[in-house]
C-alpha atoms as a PDB file:
ATOM      1  CA  MET A   1     176.429  55.337 -98.264  1.00  0.00           C
ATOM      2  CA  ILE A   2     174.189  55.539 -94.743  1.00  0.00           C
ATOM      3  CA  ASN A   3     175.707  54.133 -91.838  1.00  0.00           C
ATOM      4  CA  LEU A   4     172.807  53.354 -89.709  1.00  0.00           C
ATOM      5  CA  LYS A   5     174.802  52.755 -85.965  1.00  0.00           C
ATOM      6  CA  LYS A   6     176.793  56.119 -87.035  1.00  0.00           C
ATOM      7  CA  ILE A   7     172.713  57.942 -87.563  1.00  0.00           C
ATOM      8  CA  LYS A   8     172.154  56.371 -84.017  1.00  0.00           C
ATOM      9  CA  GLN A   9     175.354  56.989 -82.574  1.00  0.00           C
ATOM     10  CA  GLN A  10     174.675  60.712 -83.254  1.00  0.00           C
ATOM     11  CA  LYS A  11     171.628  60.718 -82.083  1.00  0.00           C
ATOM     12  CA  THR A  12     170.704  62.264 -78.712  1.00  0.00           C
ATOM     13  CA  ILE A  13     168.338  59.717 -76.913  1.00  0.00           C
ATOM     14  CA  LYS A  14     165.210  62.747 -77.218  1.00  0.00           C
ATOM     15  CA  GLU A  15     165.842  62.302 -81.271  1.00  0.00           C
ATOM     16  CA  LEU A  16     166.111  58.663 -80.930  1.00  0.00           C
ATOM     17  CA  LEU A  17     162.496  58.759 -79.099  1.00  0.00           C
ATOM     18  CA  GLU A  18     161.028  61.251 -81.298  1.00  0.00           C
ATOM     19  CA  PHE A  19     161.786  59.518 -84.791  1.00  0.00           C
ATOM     20  CA  GLY A  20     162.384  55.296 -83.543  1.00  0.00           C
ATOM     21  CA  ILE A  21     161.725  52.191 -83.784  1.00  0.00           C
ATOM     22  CA  ILE A  22     161.590  49.622 -80.178  1.00  0.00           C
ATOM     23  CA  ASN A  23     161.436  45.628 -81.705  1.00  0.00           C
ATOM     24  CA  ILE A  24     158.945  44.410 -78.787  1.00  0.00           C
ATOM     25  CA  ASP A  25     159.054  40.787 -78.176  1.00  0.00           C
ATOM     26  CA  LYS A  26     154.822  40.600 -77.482  1.00  0.00           C
ATOM     27  CA  PRO A  27     153.987  38.371 -74.145  1.00  0.00           C
ATOM     28  CA  SER A  28     151.334  36.045 -74.634  1.00  0.00           C
ATOM     29  CA  GLY A  29     147.769  38.140 -73.013  1.00  0.00           C
ATOM     30  CA  PRO A  30     147.259  41.732 -73.863  1.00  0.00           C
ATOM     31  CA  THR A  31     146.550  42.883 -77.568  1.00  0.00           C
ATOM     32  CA  SER A  32     149.097  44.723 -79.351  1.00  0.00           C
ATOM     33  CA  PHE A  33     147.417  47.847 -78.978  1.00  0.00           C
ATOM     34  CA  ASP A  34     147.531  47.330 -75.427  1.00  0.00           C
ATOM     35  CA  THR A  35     151.414  47.014 -75.746  1.00  0.00           C
ATOM     36  CA  SER A  36     151.718  50.010 -78.188  1.00  0.00           C
ATOM     37  CA  GLU A  37     149.564  51.920 -75.250  1.00  0.00           C
ATOM     38  CA  PHE A  38     152.037  50.696 -72.584  1.00  0.00           C
ATOM     39  CA  VAL A  39     155.126  51.931 -74.645  1.00  0.00           C
ATOM     40  CA  MET A  40     153.859  54.822 -75.206  1.00  0.00           C
ATOM     41  CA  LYS A  41     152.342  55.562 -71.314  1.00  0.00           C
ATOM     42  CA  THR A  42     155.849  54.076 -69.877  1.00  0.00           C
ATOM     43  CA  LEU A  43     158.111  56.476 -72.261  1.00  0.00           C
ATOM     44  CA  ASN A  44     155.670  59.407 -71.952  1.00  0.00           C
ATOM     45  CA  LEU A  45     154.940  60.252 -75.912  1.00  0.00           C
ATOM     46  CA  ARG A  46     152.704  61.660 -78.074  1.00  0.00           C
ATOM     47  CA  LYS A  47     151.362  58.339 -80.013  1.00  0.00           C
ATOM     48  CA  THR A  48     152.674  54.969 -80.585  1.00  0.00           C
ATOM     49  CA  SER A  49     151.860  52.171 -83.187  1.00  0.00           C
ATOM     50  CA  HIS A  50     152.562  48.717 -84.113  1.00  0.00           C
ATOM     51  CA  PHE A  51     153.666  47.101 -87.517  1.00  0.00           C
ATOM     52  CA  GLY A  52     150.825  44.079 -87.597  1.00  0.00           C
ATOM     53  CA  THR A  53     148.089  42.985 -85.175  1.00  0.00           C
ATOM     54  CA  LEU A  54     149.202  39.705 -83.363  1.00  0.00           C
ATOM     55  CA  ASP A  55     146.088  37.768 -81.310  1.00  0.00           C
ATOM     56  CA  PRO A  56     146.493  38.574 -77.474  1.00  0.00           C
ATOM     57  CA  LYS A  57     147.824  34.497 -77.082  1.00  0.00           C
ATOM     58  CA  VAL A  58     150.255  34.635 -79.992  1.00  0.00           C
ATOM     59  CA  THR A  59     153.690  35.901 -78.853  1.00  0.00           C
ATOM     60  CA  GLY A  60     156.528  37.187 -80.671  1.00  0.00           C
ATOM     61  CA  VAL A  61     158.067  40.149 -82.301  1.00  0.00           C
ATOM     62  CA  LEU A  62     155.529  43.412 -82.724  1.00  0.00           C
ATOM     63  CA  PRO A  63     157.903  46.084 -83.816  1.00  0.00           C
ATOM     64  CA  ILE A  64     156.734  49.796 -81.733  1.00  0.00           C
ATOM     65  CA  ALA A  65     157.040  53.012 -83.649  1.00  0.00           C
ATOM     66  CA  LEU A  66     158.072  55.925 -81.965  1.00  0.00           C
ATOM     67  CA  ASN A  67     155.624  59.554 -81.841  1.00  0.00           C
ATOM     68  CA  ARG A  68     156.999  60.843 -85.577  1.00  0.00           C
ATOM     69  CA  ALA A  69     157.967  56.951 -86.812  1.00  0.00           C
ATOM     70  CA  CYS A  70     154.161  56.682 -86.631  1.00  0.00           C
ATOM     71  CA  LYS A  71     154.112  57.651 -90.541  1.00  0.00           C
ATOM     72  CA  LEU A  72     156.233  54.668 -90.921  1.00  0.00           C
ATOM     73  CA  THR A  73     153.968  52.265 -89.910  1.00  0.00           C
ATOM     74  CA  GLY A  74     151.988  51.863 -93.429  1.00  0.00           C
ATOM     75  CA  PHE A  75     155.099  51.038 -95.342  1.00  0.00           C
ATOM     76  CA  PHE A  76     156.162  48.021 -92.785  1.00  0.00           C
ATOM     77  CA  LEU A  77     153.348  46.197 -92.542  1.00  0.00           C
ATOM     78  CA  GLY A  78     152.859  44.546 -95.680  1.00  0.00           C
ATOM     79  CA  GLU A  79     156.423  42.735 -95.052  1.00  0.00           C
ATOM     80  CA  ASP A  80     156.996  39.196 -94.761  1.00  0.00           C
ATOM     81  CA  LYS A  81     156.695  37.723 -91.885  1.00  0.00           C
ATOM     82  CA  GLU A  82     157.663  33.692 -89.929  1.00  0.00           C
ATOM     83  CA  TYR A  83     155.967  32.486 -86.981  1.00  0.00           C
ATOM     84  CA  VAL A  84     156.978  28.719 -85.066  1.00  0.00           C
ATOM     85  CA  GLY A  85     153.320  27.041 -83.982  1.00  0.00           C
ATOM     86  CA  ILE A  86     151.830  24.086 -82.671  1.00  0.00           C
ATOM     87  CA  MET A  87     148.752  22.572 -84.274  1.00  0.00           C
ATOM     88  CA  ARG A  88     146.841  19.878 -82.880  1.00  0.00           C
ATOM     89  CA  ILE A  89     144.895  17.891 -85.295  1.00  0.00           C
ATOM     90  CA  HIS A  90     141.281  15.860 -84.598  1.00  0.00           C
ATOM     91  CA  GLU A  91     142.688  12.498 -85.440  1.00  0.00           C
ATOM     92  CA  LEU A  92     146.068  11.006 -85.849  1.00  0.00           C
ATOM     93  CA  VAL A  93     147.243  10.967 -90.078  1.00  0.00           C
ATOM     94  CA  SER A  94     150.329  10.067 -91.194  1.00  0.00           C
ATOM     95  CA  GLU A  95     153.435  12.196 -91.821  1.00  0.00           C
ATOM     96  CA  GLU A  96     152.944  11.195 -95.837  1.00  0.00           C
ATOM     97  CA  LYS A  97     149.625  12.689 -95.952  1.00  0.00           C
ATOM     98  CA  LEU A  98     150.568  15.869 -93.312  1.00  0.00           C
ATOM     99  CA  GLU A  99     153.658  16.710 -95.624  1.00  0.00           C
ATOM    100  CA  LYS A 100     151.447  16.086 -99.100  1.00  0.00           C
ATOM    101  CA  ALA A 101     148.511  18.399 -97.550  1.00  0.00           C
ATOM    102  CA  ILE A 102     150.792  20.664 -96.727  1.00  0.00           C
ATOM    103  CA  LYS A 103     152.037  21.056-100.518  1.00  0.00           C
ATOM    104  CA  ASP A 104     148.766  22.544-101.406  1.00  0.00           C
ATOM    105  CA  PHE A 105     149.292  24.838 -98.808  1.00  0.00           C
ATOM    106  CA  THR A 106     152.458  26.639-100.283  1.00  0.00           C
ATOM    107  CA  GLY A 107     153.274  28.814-102.852  1.00  0.00           C
ATOM    108  CA  LYS A 108     150.278  31.478-103.450  1.00  0.00           C
ATOM    109  CA  ILE A 109     146.424  30.425-101.729  1.00  0.00           C
ATOM    110  CA  MET A 110     143.424  31.864-101.777  1.00  0.00           C
ATOM    111  CA  GLN A 111     142.398  32.389 -97.666  1.00  0.00           C
ATOM    112  CA  LEU A 112     139.195  33.877 -96.776  1.00  0.00           C
ATOM    113  CA  PRO A 113     139.802  35.540 -93.272  1.00  0.00           C
ATOM    114  CA  PRO A 114     138.302  34.351 -90.190  1.00  0.00           C
ATOM    115  CA  VAL A 115     135.188  35.515 -88.659  1.00  0.00           C
ATOM    116  CA  LYS A 116     136.515  37.600 -85.778  1.00  0.00           C
ATOM    117  CA  SER A 117     138.958  39.764 -87.958  1.00  0.00           C
ATOM    118  CA  ARG A 118     138.574  43.150 -88.602  1.00  0.00           C
ATOM    119  CA  VAL A 119     138.857  43.067 -92.418  1.00  0.00           C
ATOM    120  CA  VAL A 120     136.277  42.837 -94.197  1.00  0.00           C
ATOM    121  CA  ARG A 121     135.662  39.008 -95.404  1.00  0.00           C
ATOM    122  CA  VAL A 122     136.296  38.647 -98.361  1.00  0.00           C
ATOM    123  CA  VAL A 123     138.722  35.424 -99.948  1.00  0.00           C
ATOM    124  CA  ARG A 124     142.046  37.480-100.663  1.00  0.00           C
ATOM    125  CA  GLU A 125     144.994  35.630-102.292  1.00  0.00           C
ATOM    126  CA  ARG A 126     148.229  35.329-100.193  1.00  0.00           C
ATOM    127  CA  GLU A 127     151.748  33.805-100.723  1.00  0.00           C
ATOM    128  CA  ILE A 128     153.195  31.581 -98.495  1.00  0.00           C
ATOM    129  CA  LYS A 129     156.704  31.497 -98.992  1.00  0.00           C
ATOM    130  CA  SER A 130     157.639  28.161 -96.977  1.00  0.00           C
ATOM    131  CA  PHE A 131     155.708  25.648 -94.595  1.00  0.00           C
ATOM    132  CA  GLU A 132     157.457  23.087 -92.962  1.00  0.00           C
ATOM    133  CA  ILE A 133     157.126  20.515 -90.046  1.00  0.00           C
ATOM    134  CA  LEU A 134     159.913  20.705 -87.390  1.00  0.00           C
ATOM    135  CA  GLU A 135     158.312  17.870 -85.026  1.00  0.00           C
ATOM    136  CA  ILE A 136     155.645  15.570 -84.717  1.00  0.00           C
ATOM    137  CA  GLU A 137     153.955  14.379 -81.515  1.00  0.00           C
ATOM    138  CA  GLU A 138     151.260  12.258 -81.694  1.00  0.00           C
ATOM    139  CA  GLN A 139     148.478  15.111 -82.771  1.00  0.00           C
ATOM    140  CA  ASN A 140     150.569  17.759 -82.239  1.00  0.00           C
ATOM    141  CA  ILE A 141     152.678  19.542 -84.977  1.00  0.00           C
ATOM    142  CA  LEU A 142     155.273  21.530 -84.571  1.00  0.00           C
ATOM    143  CA  PHE A 143     156.025  23.786 -87.424  1.00  0.00           C
ATOM    144  CA  ARG A 144     157.580  26.751 -89.416  1.00  0.00           C
ATOM    145  CA  VAL A 145     155.428  29.245 -91.457  1.00  0.00           C
ATOM    146  CA  SER A 146     157.270  32.302 -93.295  1.00  0.00           C
ATOM    147  CA  CYS A 147     154.089  34.253 -95.232  1.00  0.00           C
ATOM    148  CA  GLN A 148     153.330  37.482 -97.034  1.00  0.00           C
ATOM    149  CA  GLY A 149     152.014  39.888 -94.528  1.00  0.00           C
ATOM    150  CA  GLY A 150     147.878  39.666 -93.515  1.00  0.00           C
ATOM    151  CA  THR A 151     148.281  35.854 -93.703  1.00  0.00           C
ATOM    152  CA  TYR A 152     146.269  34.486 -90.922  1.00  0.00           C
ATOM    153  CA  ILE A 153     148.209  31.134 -89.548  1.00  0.00           C
ATOM    154  CA  ARG A 154     145.016  29.994 -86.886  1.00  0.00           C
ATOM    155  CA  LYS A 155     142.885  30.334 -90.622  1.00  0.00           C
ATOM    156  CA  LEU A 156     145.865  28.406 -92.448  1.00  0.00           C
ATOM    157  CA  VAL A 157     145.744  25.549 -89.779  1.00  0.00           C
ATOM    158  CA  HIS A 158     141.770  25.292 -90.093  1.00  0.00           C
ATOM    159  CA  ASP A 159     141.813  25.100 -93.948  1.00  0.00           C
ATOM    160  CA  LEU A 160     144.651  22.697 -93.379  1.00  0.00           C
ATOM    161  CA  GLY A 161     142.665  20.285 -91.262  1.00  0.00           C
ATOM    162  CA  GLU A 162     140.420  20.483 -93.628  1.00  0.00           C
ATOM    163  CA  LYS A 163     142.024  19.315 -96.515  1.00  0.00           C
ATOM    164  CA  LEU A 164     143.239  16.835 -93.965  1.00  0.00           C
ATOM    165  CA  GLY A 165     139.596  16.014 -93.691  1.00  0.00           C
ATOM    166  CA  VAL A 166     139.928  15.188 -90.289  1.00  0.00           C
ATOM    167  CA  GLY A 167     140.123  18.838 -88.914  1.00  0.00           C
ATOM    168  CA  ALA A 168     142.838  20.784 -87.257  1.00  0.00           C
ATOM    169  CA  HIS A 169     143.425  23.888 -84.224  1.00  0.00           C
ATOM    170  CA  MET A 170     146.302  26.237 -83.317  1.00  0.00           C
ATOM    171  CA  LEU A 171     147.529  25.359 -79.884  1.00  0.00           C
ATOM    172  CA  GLU A 172     150.461  28.290 -79.947  1.00  0.00           C
ATOM    173  CA  LEU A 173     151.993  30.616 -82.037  1.00  0.00           C
ATOM    174  CA  ARG A 174     155.064  32.678 -81.611  1.00  0.00           C
ATOM    175  CA  ARG A 175     155.854  35.337 -84.788  1.00  0.00           C
ATOM    176  CA  ILE A 176     159.865  35.114 -84.748  1.00  0.00           C
ATOM    177  CA  ARG A 177     159.769  37.774 -87.848  1.00  0.00           C
ATOM    178  CA  ALA A 178     158.325  40.610 -88.885  1.00  0.00           C
ATOM    179  CA  GLY A 179     160.106  41.981 -92.256  1.00  0.00           C
ATOM    180  CA  ILE A 180     163.142  43.303 -91.062  1.00  0.00           C
ATOM    181  CA  PHE A 181     162.421  42.989 -87.195  1.00  0.00           C
ATOM    182  CA  LYS A 182     163.553  39.401 -86.203  1.00  0.00           C
ATOM    183  CA  GLU A 183     163.352  37.561 -82.520  1.00  0.00           C
ATOM    184  CA  GLU A 184     166.540  37.746 -81.397  1.00  0.00           C
ATOM    185  CA  ASP A 185     166.653  41.941 -81.694  1.00  0.00           C
ATOM    186  CA  SER A 186     163.411  42.415 -79.688  1.00  0.00           C
ATOM    187  CA  VAL A 187     163.224  43.222 -75.821  1.00  0.00           C
ATOM    188  CA  ASN A 188     160.685  41.498 -74.103  1.00  0.00           C
ATOM    189  CA  LEU A 189     158.286  44.612 -71.733  1.00  0.00           C
ATOM    190  CA  TYR A 190     160.410  43.197 -68.303  1.00  0.00           C
ATOM    191  CA  ASP A 191     163.887  44.839 -69.979  1.00  0.00           C
ATOM    192  CA  PHE A 192     161.922  47.499 -71.747  1.00  0.00           C
ATOM    193  CA  GLU A 193     160.593  49.006 -68.862  1.00  0.00           C
ATOM    194  CA  LYS A 194     163.251  48.602 -66.560  1.00  0.00           C
ATOM    195  CA  ALA A 195     165.429  50.201 -69.145  1.00  0.00           C
ATOM    196  CA  VAL A 196     162.895  53.355 -69.333  1.00  0.00           C
ATOM    197  CA  ASN A 197     163.137  52.993 -65.144  1.00  0.00           C
ATOM    198  CA  GLU A 198     167.523  53.693 -65.760  1.00  0.00           C
ATOM    199  CA  TYR A 199     166.790  56.824 -68.114  1.00  0.00           C
ATOM    200  CA  LYS A 200     164.392  58.440 -65.871  1.00  0.00           C
ATOM    201  CA  LYS A 201     167.128  57.977 -62.856  1.00  0.00           C
ATOM    202  CA  GLY A 202     169.952  59.596 -65.749  1.00  0.00           C
ATOM    203  CA  ASN A 203     170.981  56.710 -67.038  1.00  0.00           C
ATOM    204  CA  GLU A 204     169.948  56.193 -70.659  1.00  0.00           C
ATOM    205  CA  GLU A 205     172.689  53.672 -72.045  1.00  0.00           C
ATOM    206  CA  ASN A 206     169.947  50.363 -71.957  1.00  0.00           C
ATOM    207  CA  LEU A 207     166.871  52.061 -73.465  1.00  0.00           C
ATOM    208  CA  ARG A 208     169.517  53.695 -75.979  1.00  0.00           C
ATOM    209  CA  LYS A 209     170.094  50.440 -77.118  1.00  0.00           C
ATOM    210  CA  ILE A 210     166.884  49.047 -77.771  1.00  0.00           C
ATOM    211  CA  ILE A 211     165.724  51.958 -79.641  1.00  0.00           C
ATOM    212  CA  ILE A 212     166.786  51.721 -83.888  1.00  0.00           C
ATOM    213  CA  PRO A 213     166.291  54.919 -85.639  1.00  0.00           C
ATOM    214  CA  GLY A 214     163.782  55.737 -88.351  1.00  0.00           C
ATOM    215  CA  GLU A 215     166.401  55.670 -90.827  1.00  0.00           C
ATOM    216  CA  ILE A 216     166.229  51.982 -90.835  1.00  0.00           C
ATOM    217  CA  ILE A 217     163.568  52.662 -93.746  1.00  0.00           C
ATOM    218  CA  ILE A 218     166.853  52.508 -96.034  1.00  0.00           C
ATOM    219  CA  GLU A 219     166.913  48.780 -95.627  1.00  0.00           C
ATOM    220  CA  LEU A 220     163.503  48.352 -97.358  1.00  0.00           C
ATOM    221  CA  TYR A 221     163.614  51.391 -99.986  1.00  0.00           C
ATOM    222  CA  PRO A 222     167.333  52.209-101.615  1.00  0.00           C
ATOM    223  CA  GLU A 223     168.978  55.370-100.301  1.00  0.00           C
ATOM    224  CA  ILE A 224     169.170  58.106-102.917  1.00  0.00           C
ATOM    225  CA  GLN A 225     171.211  61.545-102.280  1.00  0.00           C
ATOM    226  CA  ILE A 226     169.671  64.608-103.284  1.00  0.00           C
ATOM    227  CA  GLN A 227     171.469  67.840-103.048  1.00  0.00           C
ATOM    228  CA  GLU A 228     171.622  69.892 -99.650  1.00  0.00           C
ATOM    229  CA  GLU A 229     170.559  72.970-101.383  1.00  0.00           C
ATOM    230  CA  SER A 230     167.152  71.357-102.467  1.00  0.00           C
ATOM    231  CA  ALA A 231     166.602  69.620 -99.332  1.00  0.00           C
ATOM    232  CA  GLU A 232     164.193  72.773 -98.134  1.00  0.00           C
ATOM    233  CA  ARG A 233     162.441  72.942-101.124  1.00  0.00           C
ATOM    234  CA  ILE A 234     161.591  69.579-101.061  1.00  0.00           C
ATOM    235  CA  LEU A 235     160.507  69.237 -97.325  1.00  0.00           C
ATOM    236  CA  ARG A 236     158.070  71.847 -98.377  1.00  0.00           C
ATOM    237  CA  GLY A 237     156.643  69.270-100.703  1.00  0.00           C
ATOM    238  CA  GLN A 238     158.272  70.068-103.858  1.00  0.00           C
ATOM    239  CA  PRO A 239     158.738  66.904-105.984  1.00  0.00           C
ATOM    240  CA  ILE A 240     162.339  65.663-106.858  1.00  0.00           C
ATOM    241  CA  TYR A 241     163.658  66.720-109.899  1.00  0.00           C
ATOM    242  CA  LYS A 242     166.060  64.765-111.713  1.00  0.00           C
ATOM    243  CA  LYS A 243     168.583  67.680-111.476  1.00  0.00           C
ATOM    244  CA  ASN A 244     167.782  67.835-107.674  1.00  0.00           C
ATOM    245  CA  LEU A 245     169.762  64.457-107.319  1.00  0.00           C
ATOM    246  CA  VAL A 246     173.877  63.997-106.388  1.00  0.00           C
ATOM    247  CA  LYS A 247     174.104  62.212-109.423  1.00  0.00           C
ATOM    248  CA  GLU A 248     172.173  60.145-112.379  1.00  0.00           C
ATOM    249  CA  ILE A 249     170.335  57.431-111.065  1.00  0.00           C
ATOM    250  CA  LYS A 250     168.726  54.683-113.811  1.00  0.00           C
ATOM    251  CA  MET A 251     165.803  52.950-111.799  1.00  0.00           C
ATOM    252  CA  GLU A 252     162.593  51.659-112.665  1.00  0.00           C
ATOM    253  CA  LYS A 253     159.286  53.903-112.149  1.00  0.00           C
ATOM    254  CA  GLY A 254     156.796  53.120-109.201  1.00  0.00           C
ATOM    255  CA  LYS A 255     159.596  51.854-107.190  1.00  0.00           C
ATOM    256  CA  ARG A 256     160.066  53.150-103.751  1.00  0.00           C
ATOM    257  CA  ILE A 257     163.319  55.216-102.253  1.00  0.00           C
ATOM    258  CA  SER A 258     164.610  56.388 -99.368  1.00  0.00           C
ATOM    259  CA  ILE A 259     165.874  60.212 -99.772  1.00  0.00           C
ATOM    260  CA  PHE A 260     168.545  61.538 -98.058  1.00  0.00           C
ATOM    261  CA  SER A 261     170.645  64.697 -97.825  1.00  0.00           C
ATOM    262  CA  GLY A 262     173.810  63.680 -96.479  1.00  0.00           C
ATOM    263  CA  GLU A 263     173.205  62.045 -93.373  1.00  0.00           C
ATOM    264  CA  ARG A 264     169.490  63.589 -93.221  1.00  0.00           C
ATOM    265  CA  PHE A 265     166.552  62.088 -93.646  1.00  0.00           C
ATOM    266  CA  ILE A 266     164.178  63.503 -95.829  1.00  0.00           C
ATOM    267  CA  GLY A 267     161.382  61.063 -96.808  1.00  0.00           C
ATOM    268  CA  VAL A 268     159.965  58.527 -98.706  1.00  0.00           C
ATOM    269  CA  PHE A 269     159.736  59.179-102.261  1.00  0.00           C
ATOM    270  CA  THR A 270     158.155  57.228-105.122  1.00  0.00           C
ATOM    271  CA  ILE A 271     160.004  57.200-108.661  1.00  0.00           C
ATOM    272  CA  ILE A 272     157.683  58.935-112.054  1.00  0.00           C
ATOM    273  CA  LEU A 273     159.775  59.849-114.004  1.00  0.00           C
ATOM    274  CA  GLN A 274     157.604  62.346-115.874  1.00  0.00           C
ATOM    275  CA  ASP A 275     159.582  64.832-118.198  1.00  0.00           C
ATOM    276  CA  GLU A 276     162.247  66.328-115.066  1.00  0.00           C
ATOM    277  CA  ILE A 277     160.415  65.150-112.433  1.00  0.00           C
ATOM    278  CA  PHE A 278     162.281  62.425-110.712  1.00  0.00           C
ATOM    279  CA  ALA A 279     159.957  61.396-107.691  1.00  0.00           C
ATOM    280  CA  LYS A 280     157.331  62.657-105.982  1.00  0.00           C
ATOM    281  CA  PRO A 281     156.799  62.412-101.706  1.00  0.00           C
ATOM    282  CA  GLU A 282     154.395  59.713-100.216  1.00  0.00           C
ATOM    283  CA  PHE A 283     155.846  61.005 -96.646  1.00  0.00           C
ATOM    284  CA  VAL A 284     158.338  63.702 -95.671  1.00  0.00           C
ATOM    285  CA  LEU A 285     159.976  64.503 -92.201  1.00  0.00           C
ATOM    286  CA  GLN A 286     159.480  67.641 -91.778  1.00  0.00           C
ATOM    287  CA  PRO A 287     161.477  69.267 -88.978  1.00  0.00           C
ATOM    288  CA  ILE A 288     160.448  69.094 -85.173  1.00  0.00           C
ATOM    289  CA  LYS A 289     159.508  72.680 -85.762  1.00  0.00           C
ATOM    290  CA  ASN A 290     157.184  72.164 -87.904  1.00  0.00           C
ATOM    291  CA  GLU A 291     155.412  69.058 -86.165  1.00  0.00           C
ATOM    292  CA  ASN A 292     152.111  70.922 -85.074  1.00  0.00           C
ATOM    293  CA  ARG A 293     151.882  71.987 -88.705  1.00  0.00           C
ATOM    294  CA  GLU A 294     151.790  67.699 -89.744  1.00  0.00           C
END
């Protein structure tokens, strides 16, 4: 079993910066892109990317991939999200009526993205895992929502207001979880910048603490070990044959897996079970020497 803590301890700070993730607590004001750019420029990296856009006024969890970890972005984007927010209903309604309306927005719902969204405006199915009222103060409602990635909370609040027949809009919103990344493990921009300044002066301790190794992908897709002698061929694009596995494994076709050779991360593969082929590559982490050919 891969031990993420051990992998992090064994890596140099430069290796962590080359294939790592920082869970930023985004403040109100900057866009998600601005925040990602700030991380890139502060750390003097080649590139960064974030795992799911937050509106400028929305705060909270914004995981940012560093350098080659940017290739992992697509694997994290669709993960469930969790938010806490305040909505204002435009007229007073009873708590009973509010709770009844919310039940219609729990489970699978159909949602049309807002006008200002960057996606094509077609009705899409989204799943609301939970939608609960935490506190009511006249027309201001404190709520918590857990939902499928790609759900628009502002639109959810608007649609709830339409259902109530009185209208509603969002006053504040904070993302407290994005998939496996949680609020309590995030770092604000002030502490991030402070850690980077200390690193530039020779003290890497605090920066090291906040970088998450890219190998955390195993928390989404299970670890599968391949034989060491087959690793180089697989890194060059060869699919994984059943004979390349350290031990025989029975898994469902179509599932994604994280491939390792010992503690070395090889990439993310999809199980195809075709003749003697076990899995095909979706993303392979090439050795740094081959980086200019990625």
